Amino acid sequence: MSRSIKKGPYTDPKLFKKMKKVKPGENTVIKTWARESTITLDMVGYIFGVHNGKIHIPVRVSENMVGHKLGEFSHTRKFVGHGGKMAKAQTKEEISTTTTTTK
């Protein structure tokens, strides 16, 4: 369920304190653990180091990110990939059959 319009978007108040110390467009990273904070127009141009559980991933905020959460741009799980040796062998077979039929 989404947040009530009456309440407005949630942003961590500590983020705004940290933003006042840094000018927009600077290359300084503002570290934060507040992944649930909604990106507002005031945040455009800043670089946030969003914690993913292990490290802080730098996220440069642009205008098309407004309305999303900071955590959406810092993935918490590493995608290793689907399949294994069998899947690689099948793709090699498909490639070899398509190249021989097109010649």
Protein backbone atom coordinates (compact mmCIF):
# COMPACT_ATOMS: atom_id res chain seq x y z
CA MET A 1 0.00 0.00 0.00
CA SER A 2 1.35 3.41 -0.88
CA ARG A 3 1.81 6.31 1.49
CA SER A 4 -1.10 8.70 2.06
CA ILE A 5 -1.02 11.89 -0.03
CA LYS A 6 -2.08 13.80 3.06
CA LYS A 7 1.16 12.84 4.83
CA GLY A 8 3.49 13.61 1.94
CA PRO A 9 6.75 11.87 1.00
CA TYR A 10 9.08 10.70 3.77
CA THR A 11 12.65 11.93 3.76
CA ASP A 12 15.05 11.55 6.63
CA PRO A 13 15.56 14.93 8.37
CA LYS A 14 19.27 14.14 8.87
CA LEU A 15 19.70 14.07 5.08
CA PHE A 16 18.67 17.72 4.80
CA LYS A 17 21.16 18.69 7.51
CA LYS A 18 23.93 16.93 5.59
CA MET A 19 22.77 18.51 2.32
CA LYS A 20 23.09 22.03 3.79
CA LYS A 21 26.81 21.42 4.40
CA VAL A 22 27.46 20.47 0.74
CA LYS A 23 26.75 22.44 -2.43
CA PRO A 24 24.87 20.68 -5.26
CA GLY A 25 27.16 19.57 -8.06
CA GLU A 26 30.17 18.96 -5.80
CA ASN A 27 31.83 15.56 -5.94
CA THR A 28 31.47 14.94 -2.20
CA VAL A 29 29.42 11.90 -1.27
CA ILE A 30 26.76 12.22 1.44
CA LYS A 31 26.70 8.87 3.26
CA THR A 32 23.29 7.64 4.34
CA TRP A 33 21.60 4.53 5.66
CA ALA A 34 18.11 5.96 4.97
CA ARG A 35 17.18 3.81 1.97
CA GLU A 36 13.49 4.51 2.57
CA SER A 37 13.82 8.24 1.93
CA THR A 38 11.92 9.56 -1.08
CA ILE A 39 13.94 11.63 -3.56
CA THR A 40 12.65 15.21 -3.81
CA LEU A 41 13.52 18.09 -6.15
CA ASP A 42 15.82 19.52 -3.47
CA MET A 43 18.09 16.48 -3.79
CA VAL A 44 18.79 16.86 -7.53
CA GLY A 45 22.51 17.34 -8.21
CA TYR A 46 23.78 15.73 -5.00
CA ILE A 47 25.66 12.44 -4.72
CA PHE A 48 24.43 10.11 -1.98
CA GLY A 49 26.31 7.08 -0.71
CA VAL A 50 23.41 4.70 -0.15
CA HIS A 51 24.23 1.76 2.11
CA ASN A 52 23.36 -1.65 0.68
CA GLY A 53 24.15 -3.62 3.84
CA LYS A 54 27.85 -3.92 3.11
CA ILE A 55 29.16 -0.75 1.44
CA HIS A 56 27.95 2.69 0.40
CA ILE A 57 27.11 2.83 -3.31
CA PRO A 58 27.34 6.34 -4.83
CA VAL A 59 24.10 7.51 -6.45
CA ARG A 60 24.05 10.80 -8.41
CA VAL A 61 20.48 12.13 -8.24
CA SER A 62 18.93 13.44 -11.47
CA GLU A 63 15.50 14.88 -12.26
CA ASN A 64 14.02 11.62 -13.53
CA MET A 65 14.71 9.96 -10.14
CA VAL A 66 12.33 12.29 -8.28
CA GLY A 67 9.56 10.35 -6.53
CA HIS A 68 11.57 7.14 -6.20
CA LYS A 69 13.29 5.85 -3.06
CA LEU A 70 17.05 6.02 -2.53
CA GLY A 71 17.18 2.28 -1.92
CA GLU A 72 15.94 1.52 -5.44
CA PHE A 73 19.32 2.55 -6.84
CA SER A 74 21.47 0.54 -4.42
CA HIS A 75 20.89 -3.20 -4.83
CA THR A 76 21.27 -5.36 -1.73
CA ARG A 77 21.77 -8.68 -3.52
CA LYS A 78 24.41 -9.59 -6.07
CA PHE A 79 23.00 -11.20 -9.22
CA VAL A 80 25.25 -14.11 -10.15
CA GLY A 81 23.33 -15.28 -13.21
CA HIS A 82 21.03 -18.02 -14.38
CA GLY A 83 22.15 -21.42 -15.53
CA GLY A 84 25.59 -22.93 -15.57
CA LYS A 85 27.60 -25.21 -17.85
CA MET A 86 24.48 -26.69 -19.40
CA ALA A 87 23.00 -23.29 -20.25
CA LYS A 88 26.28 -22.13 -21.82
CA ALA A 89 26.47 -25.29 -23.92
CA GLN A 90 22.91 -24.79 -25.16
CA THR A 91 23.58 -21.19 -26.21
CA LYS A 92 26.74 -22.27 -28.07
CA GLU A 93 24.70 -24.91 -29.93
CA GLU A 94 22.05 -22.33 -30.86
CA ILE A 95 24.68 -19.91 -32.14
CA SER A 96 26.41 -22.59 -34.23
CA THR A 97 23.11 -23.75 -35.79
CA THR A 98 22.03 -20.22 -36.69
CA THR A 99 25.39 -19.36 -38.29
CA THR A 100 25.43 -22.53 -40.42
CA THR A 101 21.87 -22.03 -41.65
CA THR A 102 22.41 -18.38 -42.58
CA LYS A 103 25.46 -19.07 -44.77
